[in-house]
Amino acid sequence: MTTTVFYDRFERHAQGQGIKGHSTHYCPGCGHGLAHKYLAEAIDELGIQDRVVAVSPVGCSVFLYYYMDVGNTQAAHGRAPVVAIGHKTANPDSIVISYQGDGDLASIGLAEIVSTAQLGIPISVIFINNAVYGMTGGQMAPTTLMGMKTATSPAGRTPLMGQPLRMAEMIAGLQGPVYVERVALYDAKQRTRAKRAIRKALECQVENKGFSFVEVLAECPTHLRLDPVATEKWVAEQMTQIFPLGLMKDVTKDASFPALPRPSFSEERLLEVVGASMEEVSRFATSFPSHLAKGDVALKLAGAGGDGAQTAAMLITNAAINEGFDSTHIPSYGPESRGGTSYADVHVAEREVLSPAAPNPHLLVAFNAPSLAKFGPAVQPGGVVVYDSSTIHSVPELPAGVTAHGVPFTQIAADLGRTLVKNVVALGALQEATQLFPKETFLYAIRNALKEKCAMIPLNEEAFAWGARAVRGN
């Protein structure tokens, strides 16, 4: 049939000109072409083109968006099912199709497909199984047959490489899915069944019955090193012995998935979610701190778990945003977060932060010795280091022109009766040493963060003042 779901011309080849503008990029005899055709026809027949969102990840299906005139999303390798969940929950009326290959779905994406299937949310998964990593060089896939030679199993798959993974059976064994079937493409009869199965998978979603999964045994003449006819024979005689065709699960008769709640995208709701408001903020800076860096200042705050580096980083970020600058805060929690060093990267940009990482910061705040030893040498020449001299008793060699300020964050906070405010002591020291923002910019951010704990504001203001005073004293 003729379907409007396919574009009139495929820009993938020759900018859509000539005969190449009407052909796909798939190898001759590849099963993806037929799977695309049946999917497009089913979308057309069901009249759902304007509702469809197709999710394609890495692999031979990566260019699905060149061919189908539907909503298209590109997902990272293996992550298509969870991206599909995002689309479905954001727009319950959408018909979401996750179109994946075996190297993608059955390997790196195994956790995603299993958890999504068990969730049972109404999305349709089309799983193309050609028993090999097709696009990336013909490596052994989870579905590669025993004895089959690939780029990474040149002598054939052996028991020590594991048995082929039967995805349809695995998915059918879960409670979440309502429809699971395995089909093939090697002759007219099987193609008719494949088309019918793909359409039913979409119908399950149109009727809000639940999660559906269709596994399609597909040909890959390129990596089998066979012509298309011989490849079809191989699928019929070899693949079906390991991956038997047929219906694996169908409980659609009485199935009905609970209605998905409709998300609100109102301005008020969005502000509530991110903890923001429309209240006008006070601004105190008259210009960007270009004396520290032109256009973008990078900071790193590092310490042990409980030092408050992450909270201090967030306060700097909020302070920058309040002043009308762009700012990012990227926390890093690793195995070192207890007793070693965990850190946060912060950028303050006059216009836009182009990269949130700060491997070579202009400013470093170090709460413990491992943090200073690790990140001090990476500070940019001419930068500033502020460190806790209560716990750090020696400073490593720093790049040329770097100024280091030792301030006893912990001791000052202890003298104030609350060691938890040592991170605010550090912010006071940072402000005095760098003039990143006026002191009122920081204090405004601190007061706003403590608006639900107003009794803590005077202590934090005093901690900030003592940090600044310590730098002046030095």
Protein backbone atom coordinates (compact mmCIF):
# COMPACT_ATOMS: atom_id res chain seq x y z
CA MET A 1 0.00 0.00 0.00
CA THR A 2 1.01 3.64 -0.37
CA THR A 3 1.42 5.39 2.96
CA THR A 4 1.87 9.03 3.87
CA VAL A 5 3.82 7.99 6.96
CA PHE A 6 6.99 7.77 4.85
CA TYR A 7 8.48 11.02 3.65
CA ASP A 8 8.20 11.66 -0.09
CA ARG A 9 11.98 11.91 -0.29
CA PHE A 10 14.65 10.58 2.07
CA GLU A 11 17.21 13.28 2.84
CA ARG A 12 19.61 10.60 4.08
CA HIS A 13 20.92 10.03 0.54
CA ALA A 14 22.05 12.70 -1.93
CA GLN A 15 19.93 15.36 -0.18
CA GLY A 16 16.85 13.49 -1.38
CA GLN A 17 17.70 13.88 -5.06
CA GLY A 18 17.26 11.20 -7.73
CA ILE A 19 16.66 7.52 -7.06
CA LYS A 20 18.72 7.64 -3.85
CA GLY A 21 16.14 10.00 -2.42
CA HIS A 22 13.66 7.13 -2.50
CA SER A 23 15.83 4.38 -1.00
CA THR A 24 16.88 3.63 2.56
CA HIS A 25 20.43 3.28 3.82
CA TYR A 26 19.90 -0.37 4.75
CA CYS A 27 21.92 -3.10 3.05
CA PRO A 28 20.15 -5.14 0.30
CA GLY A 29 18.10 -7.88 1.95
CA CYS A 30 18.15 -6.29 5.41
CA GLY A 31 15.02 -6.96 7.48
CA HIS A 32 14.75 -3.38 8.76
CA GLY A 33 13.21 -2.22 5.49
CA LEU A 34 10.23 -4.57 5.77
CA ALA A 35 9.82 -3.82 9.48
CA HIS A 36 9.72 -0.09 8.66
CA LYS A 37 7.13 -0.76 5.95
CA TYR A 38 4.79 -2.73 8.21
CA LEU A 39 5.15 -0.19 11.01
CA ALA A 40 4.35 2.71 8.68
CA GLU A 41 1.35 0.89 7.22
CA ALA A 42 -0.03 0.07 10.66
CA ILE A 43 0.30 3.72 11.72
CA ASP A 44 -1.53 4.76 8.56
CA GLU A 45 -4.30 2.17 8.88
CA LEU A 46 -4.98 3.10 12.50
CA GLY A 47 -5.03 6.82 11.70
CA ILE A 48 -2.57 7.71 14.44
CA GLN A 49 0.22 9.42 12.50
CA ASP A 50 -0.15 12.75 14.32
CA ARG A 51 -0.01 11.00 17.71
CA VAL A 52 3.03 8.77 17.12
CA VAL A 53 6.40 9.33 18.76
CA ALA A 54 9.05 6.89 17.51
CA VAL A 55 12.09 6.37 19.74
CA SER A 56 15.19 4.99 18.03
CA PRO A 57 18.52 4.45 19.77
CA VAL A 58 22.00 3.59 18.47
CA GLY A 59 22.33 0.85 15.84
CA CYS A 60 21.00 0.17 12.38
CA SER A 61 17.70 1.77 13.39
CA VAL A 62 19.44 5.03 14.24
CA PHE A 63 18.16 6.83 11.13
CA LEU A 64 14.49 5.93 11.50
CA TYR A 65 13.72 9.63 11.64
CA TYR A 66 14.91 10.05 8.05
CA TYR A 67 12.06 7.88 6.81
CA MET A 68 8.96 8.31 8.97
CA ASP A 69 7.01 11.52 9.17
CA VAL A 70 6.08 11.14 12.84
CA GLY A 71 7.40 12.52 16.09
CA ASN A 72 10.94 11.22 16.49
CA THR A 73 13.31 11.07 19.44
CA GLN A 74 16.88 9.80 19.45
CA ALA A 75 17.88 7.88 22.59
CA ALA A 76 21.26 6.83 23.93
CA HIS A 77 22.31 3.22 23.37
CA GLY A 78 19.84 0.92 25.15
CA ARG A 79 17.82 3.71 26.72
CA ALA A 80 14.88 3.88 24.29
CA PRO A 81 12.32 2.24 26.65
CA VAL A 82 12.86 4.75 29.45
CA VAL A 83 12.78 7.63 26.98
CA ALA A 84 9.50 6.14 25.74
CA ILE A 85 8.16 6.19 29.31
CA GLY A 86 9.01 9.88 29.49
CA HIS A 87 7.06 10.64 26.32
CA LYS A 88 4.07 8.55 27.37
CA THR A 89 3.76 10.06 30.82
CA ALA A 90 4.31 13.60 29.52
CA ASN A 91 1.61 13.10 26.88
CA PRO A 92 -0.73 10.18 27.66
CA ASP A 93 -2.49 10.60 24.30
CA SER A 94 0.68 9.88 22.36
CA ILE A 95 1.36 6.51 20.74
CA VAL A 96 4.96 5.74 21.64
CA ILE A 97 7.00 3.17 19.72
CA SER A 98 10.41 1.96 20.88
CA TYR A 99 12.21 0.54 17.83
CA GLN A 100 15.37 -1.36 18.82
CA GLY A 101 17.89 -3.93 17.68
CA ASP A 102 19.26 -6.93 19.56
CA GLY A 103 22.66 -5.44 20.41
CA ASP A 104 20.83 -2.46 21.84
CA LEU A 105 17.80 -3.93 23.60
CA ALA A 106 19.19 -7.28 24.74
CA SER A 107 22.61 -6.08 25.86
CA ILE A 108 23.26 -2.57 27.16
CA GLY A 109 19.51 -1.92 27.38
CA LEU A 110 18.52 -5.16 29.11
CA ALA A 111 17.72 -3.53 32.46
CA GLU A 112 15.68 -0.81 30.78
CA ILE A 113 13.51 -3.14 28.71
CA VAL A 114 12.84 -5.54 31.59
CA SER A 115 11.88 -2.79 34.05
CA THR A 116 9.74 -1.02 31.43
CA ALA A 117 7.97 -4.24 30.46
CA GLN A 118 7.28 -5.09 34.10
CA LEU A 119 5.87 -1.60 34.60
CA GLY A 120 3.38 -2.48 31.88
CA ILE A 121 2.85 1.08 30.70
CA PRO A 122 1.13 1.24 27.28
CA ILE A 123 4.01 1.56 24.84
CA SER A 124 4.84 -0.63 21.83
CA VAL A 125 8.28 -2.19 21.42
CA ILE A 126 9.45 -3.47 18.03
CA PHE A 127 12.55 -5.61 18.59
CA ILE A 128 14.64 -6.43 15.50
CA ASN A 129 16.70 -9.57 16.13
CA ASN A 130 19.30 -10.33 13.45
CA ALA A 131 21.64 -12.18 15.84
CA VAL A 132 24.54 -9.74 15.44
CA TYR A 133 25.71 -6.19 16.14
CA GLY A 134 24.94 -4.94 12.66
CA MET A 135 26.08 -1.32 12.55
CA THR A 136 29.17 -1.41 14.75
CA GLY A 137 31.16 -4.11 12.97
CA GLY A 138 29.47 -7.48 13.29
CA GLN A 139 30.37 -8.33 16.88
CA MET A 140 28.70 -11.15 18.81
CA ALA A 141 25.32 -10.09 20.19
CA PRO A 142 23.33 -11.57 23.08
CA THR A 143 21.19 -13.32 20.45
CA THR A 144 24.08 -14.74 18.37
CA LEU A 145 23.55 -18.47 17.76
CA MET A 146 25.87 -21.13 19.17
CA GLY A 147 28.74 -21.80 16.78
CA MET A 148 28.01 -18.63 14.81
CA LYS A 149 31.14 -16.74 13.75
CA THR A 150 31.28 -13.01 14.36
CA ALA A 151 33.98 -10.37 14.65
CA THR A 152 34.37 -11.15 18.36
CA SER A 153 33.72 -14.90 18.11
CA PRO A 154 35.83 -15.75 15.04
CA ALA A 155 35.82 -19.47 15.87
CA GLY A 156 32.11 -19.50 16.67
CA ARG A 157 30.12 -18.85 19.83
CA THR A 158 30.96 -21.35 22.57
CA PRO A 159 29.23 -22.27 25.85
CA LEU A 160 31.79 -20.13 27.70
CA MET A 161 30.33 -17.14 25.85
CA GLY A 162 26.86 -17.92 27.17
CA GLN A 163 23.70 -19.13 25.46
CA PRO A 164 21.62 -16.98 23.09
CA LEU A 165 19.18 -14.79 24.98
CA ARG A 166 15.50 -15.42 24.21
CA MET A 167 13.97 -12.02 24.76
CA ALA A 168 10.37 -12.78 23.78
CA GLU A 169 10.18 -15.62 26.29
CA MET A 170 11.78 -13.46 28.97
CA ILE A 171 9.39 -10.56 28.42
CA ALA A 172 6.38 -12.89 28.22
CA GLY A 173 7.31 -14.28 31.65
CA LEU A 174 6.82 -10.89 33.27
CA GLN A 175 3.48 -9.77 34.69
CA GLY A 176 3.48 -6.34 33.06
CA PRO A 177 3.15 -7.08 29.29
CA VAL A 178 -0.22 -7.88 27.76
CA TYR A 179 0.96 -8.97 24.30
CA VAL A 180 4.22 -10.66 23.22
CA GLU A 181 4.85 -12.37 19.88
CA ARG A 182 7.82 -13.47 17.78
CA VAL A 183 7.58 -13.25 14.01
CA ALA A 184 9.88 -13.51 10.98
CA LEU A 185 10.26 -12.11 7.47
CA TYR A 186 11.67 -14.96 5.39
CA ASP A 187 8.59 -15.73 3.24
CA ALA A 188 5.21 -14.24 2.33
CA LYS A 189 3.33 -16.10 5.05
CA GLN A 190 5.68 -14.92 7.79
CA ARG A 191 5.61 -11.36 6.47
CA THR A 192 1.82 -11.33 6.70
CA ARG A 193 2.07 -12.51 10.30
CA ALA A 194 4.72 -9.89 11.06
CA LYS A 195 2.57 -7.09 9.70
CA ARG A 196 -0.42 -8.32 11.71
CA ALA A 197 1.65 -8.55 14.92
CA ILE A 198 3.07 -5.05 14.54
CA ARG A 199 -0.40 -3.65 13.99
CA LYS A 200 -1.73 -5.47 17.06
CA ALA A 201 1.12 -4.08 19.15
CA LEU A 202 -0.02 -0.59 18.21
CA GLU A 203 -3.69 -1.45 18.78
CA CYS A 204 -2.85 -2.50 22.34
CA GLN A 205 -1.63 1.01 22.94
CA VAL A 206 -4.43 2.78 21.06
CA GLU A 207 -6.92 0.88 23.22
CA ASN A 208 -4.86 1.52 26.38
CA LYS A 209 -4.52 -2.18 27.13
CA GLY A 210 -0.87 -2.11 28.13
CA PHE A 211 2.70 -2.94 27.13
CA SER A 212 3.27 -4.88 23.90
CA PHE A 213 6.42 -6.47 22.50
CA VAL A 214 7.02 -7.88 19.01
CA GLU A 215 10.29 -9.65 18.25
CA VAL A 216 11.09 -9.76 14.53
CA LEU A 217 13.65 -12.28 13.28
CA ALA A 218 15.38 -10.27 10.58
CA GLU A 219 18.01 -10.93 7.94
CA CYS A 220 21.54 -9.44 7.96
CA PRO A 221 23.18 -10.59 4.69
CA THR A 222 26.22 -8.35 5.26
CA HIS A 223 27.50 -10.00 8.41
CA LEU A 224 26.32 -13.49 7.50
CA ARG A 225 28.21 -13.06 4.22
CA LEU A 226 25.30 -14.57 2.30
CA ASP A 227 23.06 -13.27 -0.46
CA PRO A 228 19.52 -12.20 0.56
CA VAL A 229 17.87 -15.48 -0.54
CA ALA A 230 20.42 -17.59 1.35
CA THR A 231 20.00 -15.35 4.39
CA GLU A 232 16.25 -15.90 4.40
CA LYS A 233 16.87 -19.64 4.31
CA TRP A 234 19.32 -19.33 7.22
CA VAL A 235 16.74 -17.49 9.33
CA ALA A 236 14.08 -20.09 8.52
CA GLU A 237 16.30 -23.11 9.19
CA GLN A 238 18.71 -21.88 11.87
CA MET A 239 17.28 -18.96 13.82
CA THR A 240 13.82 -20.43 14.29
CA GLN A 241 15.34 -23.49 15.94
CA ILE A 242 16.61 -21.30 18.76
CA PHE A 243 13.96 -18.61 18.54
CA PRO A 244 10.67 -20.41 17.81
CA LEU A 245 8.00 -18.31 16.17
CA GLY A 246 4.58 -17.74 17.62
CA LEU A 247 2.45 -16.03 20.20
CA MET A 248 4.14 -15.95 23.60
CA LYS A 249 1.51 -14.04 25.57
CA ASP A 250 -1.87 -12.47 24.89
CA VAL A 251 -4.01 -11.28 27.79
CA THR A 252 -5.45 -8.34 25.89
CA LYS A 253 -9.07 -9.47 26.06
CA ASP A 254 -9.75 -8.08 29.51
CA ALA A 255 -6.66 -5.86 29.85
CA SER A 256 -6.93 -2.18 30.69
CA PHE A 257 -4.12 -0.02 31.98
CA PRO A 258 -5.06 2.63 34.58
CA ALA A 259 -5.47 6.09 33.11
CA LEU A 260 -2.22 8.02 33.24
CA PRO A 261 -2.44 11.31 35.14
CA ARG A 262 -2.09 14.33 32.92
CA PRO A 263 0.91 16.42 33.89
CA SER A 264 0.53 20.12 34.36
CA PHE A 265 2.90 22.40 32.50
CA SER A 266 1.53 25.59 33.98
CA GLU A 267 4.05 28.20 35.06
CA GLU A 268 2.87 27.97 38.66
CA ARG A 269 3.30 24.18 38.79
CA LEU A 270 6.74 24.29 37.20
CA LEU A 271 7.89 26.89 39.68
CA GLU A 272 6.53 24.75 42.51
CA VAL A 273 8.43 21.67 41.27
CA VAL A 274 11.78 23.48 41.08
CA GLY A 275 11.17 25.36 44.32
CA ALA A 276 11.14 28.77 42.66
CA SER A 277 8.75 31.69 42.66
CA MET A 278 7.85 34.78 40.65
CA GLU A 279 8.92 37.08 43.46
CA GLU A 280 11.35 39.76 42.35
CA VAL A 281 14.83 39.12 43.70
CA SER A 282 17.21 41.74 44.98
CA ARG A 283 20.36 42.33 42.95
CA PHE A 284 23.54 43.86 44.27
CA ALA A 285 26.19 43.27 41.60
CA THR A 286 26.72 46.07 39.11
CA SER A 287 28.69 43.94 36.65
CA PHE A 288 30.04 40.47 35.93
CA PRO A 289 33.19 39.54 37.95
CA SER A 290 35.42 39.79 34.87
CA HIS A 291 38.42 40.57 37.07
CA LEU A 292 38.45 36.81 37.80
CA ALA A 293 37.80 35.52 34.28
CA LYS A 294 36.27 36.89 31.13
CA GLY A 295 32.71 35.70 30.59
CA ASP A 296 32.83 32.51 32.69
CA VAL A 297 34.23 31.83 36.16
CA ALA A 298 34.85 28.19 37.08
CA LEU A 299 34.84 27.09 40.72
CA LYS A 300 35.44 23.80 42.47
CA LEU A 301 34.42 23.12 46.07
CA ALA A 302 35.75 19.91 47.58
CA GLY A 303 35.81 18.14 50.92
CA ALA A 304 34.77 15.05 52.83
CA GLY A 305 31.15 13.99 53.27
CA GLY A 306 29.49 16.34 55.74
CA ASP A 307 31.80 19.30 55.12
CA GLY A 308 29.02 21.14 53.29
CA ALA A 309 30.81 21.61 49.97
CA GLN A 310 27.70 20.72 47.99
CA THR A 311 25.49 23.13 49.95
CA ALA A 312 28.03 25.93 49.55
CA ALA A 313 28.20 25.21 45.82
CA MET A 314 24.44 25.43 45.52
CA LEU A 315 24.40 28.73 47.41
CA ILE A 316 26.95 30.18 44.97
CA THR A 317 24.86 28.95 42.04
CA ASN A 318 21.68 30.47 43.45
CA ALA A 319 23.49 33.71 44.19
CA ALA A 320 24.70 33.91 40.58
CA ILE A 321 21.24 33.22 39.16
CA ASN A 322 19.72 35.85 41.46
CA GLU A 323 22.15 38.34 39.95
CA GLY A 324 20.93 37.48 36.45
CA PHE A 325 23.90 35.34 35.38
CA ASP A 326 23.81 31.79 34.06
CA SER A 327 25.14 29.25 36.54
CA THR A 328 25.45 25.48 36.93
CA HIS A 329 26.21 23.17 39.84
CA ILE A 330 27.35 19.61 39.15
CA PRO A 331 27.88 17.43 42.26
CA SER A 332 30.19 14.43 42.26
CA TYR A 333 29.67 11.73 44.87
CA GLY A 334 32.01 8.80 44.59
CA PRO A 335 33.47 6.12 46.83
CA GLU A 336 35.65 8.84 48.33
CA SER A 337 32.72 10.76 49.82
CA ARG A 338 33.46 9.24 53.21
CA GLY A 339 36.84 10.40 54.45
CA GLY A 340 38.37 11.21 51.06
CA THR A 341 37.10 13.92 48.77
CA SER A 342 33.82 14.59 47.02
CA TYR A 343 33.39 17.75 45.05
CA ALA A 344 31.09 20.11 43.18
CA ASP A 345 31.85 22.00 39.97
CA VAL A 346 30.26 25.43 39.61
CA HIS A 347 30.26 27.83 36.68
CA VAL A 348 29.13 31.43 36.72
CA ALA A 349 28.74 32.79 33.19
CA GLU A 350 27.90 36.26 32.00
CA ARG A 351 25.71 34.84 29.23
CA GLU A 352 25.67 31.03 29.03
CA VAL A 353 27.56 28.13 30.61
CA LEU A 354 28.86 26.05 27.72
CA SER A 355 30.28 23.19 29.81
CA PRO A 356 29.40 22.52 33.48
CA ALA A 357 32.61 20.68 34.35
CA ALA A 358 35.45 22.58 36.02
CA PRO A 359 38.60 20.45 35.68
CA ASN A 360 40.78 23.60 35.82
CA PRO A 361 38.93 26.02 38.10
CA HIS A 362 39.73 29.67 38.61
CA LEU A 363 38.67 29.36 42.25
CA LEU A 364 39.04 26.42 44.64
CA VAL A 365 37.54 25.98 48.10
CA ALA A 366 39.13 23.00 49.88
CA PHE A 367 37.79 21.64 53.16
CA ASN A 368 40.36 18.89 53.70
CA ALA A 369 43.93 17.96 52.77
CA PRO A 370 43.10 15.30 50.14
CA SER A 371 40.95 17.84 48.28
CA LEU A 372 43.67 20.48 48.24
CA ALA A 373 46.31 17.95 47.21
CA LYS A 374 44.11 16.61 44.39
CA PHE A 375 42.68 19.83 42.96
CA GLY A 376 45.13 22.56 44.02
CA PRO A 377 47.65 21.87 41.21
CA ALA A 378 44.81 22.08 38.64
CA VAL A 379 43.82 25.66 39.54
CA GLN A 380 44.43 28.04 36.65
CA PRO A 381 47.46 30.35 36.93
CA GLY A 382 46.44 33.53 38.67
CA GLY A 383 43.57 31.82 40.43
CA VAL A 384 42.61 31.76 44.10
CA VAL A 385 42.54 28.93 46.65
CA VAL A 386 40.72 29.20 49.95
CA TYR A 387 41.31 26.28 52.32
CA ASP A 388 40.51 25.14 55.86
CA SER A 389 43.70 25.71 57.85
CA SER A 390 42.09 23.90 60.81
CA THR A 391 42.63 20.58 59.03
CA ILE A 392 45.16 21.39 56.27
CA HIS A 393 48.65 22.03 57.59
CA SER A 394 50.68 21.99 54.39
CA VAL A 395 49.95 23.41 50.96
CA PRO A 396 51.11 21.59 47.83
CA GLU A 397 52.94 23.42 45.07
CA LEU A 398 50.41 25.51 43.22
CA PRO A 399 50.56 26.94 39.68
CA ALA A 400 52.24 30.29 39.12
CA GLY A 401 50.35 33.28 40.41
CA VAL A 402 47.82 31.31 42.45
CA THR A 403 47.00 33.00 45.74
CA ALA A 404 46.22 30.73 48.71
CA HIS A 405 44.27 31.84 51.76
CA GLY A 406 44.29 29.62 54.82
CA VAL A 407 41.22 30.21 56.99
CA PRO A 408 40.28 27.97 59.95
CA PHE A 409 36.74 27.17 58.78
CA THR A 410 36.20 24.39 61.31
CA GLN A 411 37.69 26.26 64.29
CA ILE A 412 35.67 29.39 63.62
CA ALA A 413 32.48 27.36 63.28
CA ALA A 414 33.25 25.46 66.50
CA ASP A 415 33.86 28.73 68.34
CA LEU A 416 30.45 29.88 67.14
CA GLY A 417 28.98 26.71 68.64
CA ARG A 418 27.95 24.97 65.40
CA THR A 419 30.56 23.23 63.23
CA LEU A 420 27.95 22.75 60.50
CA VAL A 421 28.31 26.39 59.48
CA LYS A 422 31.95 25.98 58.44
CA ASN A 423 30.80 26.01 54.81
CA VAL A 424 29.30 29.47 55.35
CA VAL A 425 32.57 30.55 56.93
CA ALA A 426 34.18 29.35 53.71
CA LEU A 427 31.75 31.43 51.62
CA GLY A 428 32.62 34.55 53.62
CA ALA A 429 36.31 33.86 53.06
CA LEU A 430 35.71 33.25 49.34
CA GLN A 431 33.83 36.54 48.98
CA GLU A 432 36.51 38.55 50.72
CA ALA A 433 39.38 36.88 48.84
CA THR A 434 37.85 37.07 45.36
CA GLN A 435 35.05 39.66 45.33
CA LEU A 436 33.13 37.18 43.18
CA PHE A 437 29.93 38.98 44.23
CA PRO A 438 29.16 41.68 46.79
CA LYS A 439 28.68 40.30 50.29
CA GLU A 440 24.96 41.16 50.16
CA THR A 441 24.56 38.82 47.16
CA PHE A 442 25.75 35.90 49.27
CA LEU A 443 23.78 36.94 52.33
CA TYR A 444 20.60 37.29 50.29
CA ALA A 445 21.05 33.71 48.98
CA ILE A 446 21.76 32.42 52.51
CA ARG A 447 18.71 34.13 53.99
CA ASN A 448 16.51 32.83 51.21
CA ALA A 449 17.80 29.27 51.75
CA LEU A 450 17.00 29.55 55.47
CA LYS A 451 13.58 31.19 55.14
CA GLU A 452 11.99 28.11 56.73
CA LYS A 453 14.60 28.17 59.54
CA CYS A 454 14.75 31.86 60.35
CA ALA A 455 16.34 31.25 63.74
CA MET A 456 19.48 30.01 61.96
CA ILE A 457 19.96 33.19 59.92
CA PRO A 458 21.86 35.28 62.55
CA LEU A 459 24.34 32.44 63.18
CA ASN A 460 25.01 31.99 59.48
CA GLU A 461 25.43 35.73 58.95
CA GLU A 462 27.96 35.78 61.77
CA ALA A 463 29.79 32.77 60.30
CA PHE A 464 29.97 34.55 56.94
CA ALA A 465 31.34 37.71 58.56
CA TRP A 466 34.01 35.80 60.48
CA GLY A 467 35.18 34.07 57.29
CA ALA A 468 35.63 37.43 55.59
CA ARG A 469 37.33 38.89 58.68
CA ALA A 470 39.82 36.01 58.76
CA VAL A 471 40.94 36.76 55.19
CA ARG A 472 41.35 40.46 56.00
CA GLY A 473 43.37 39.51 59.08
CA ASN A 474 45.71 37.42 56.98
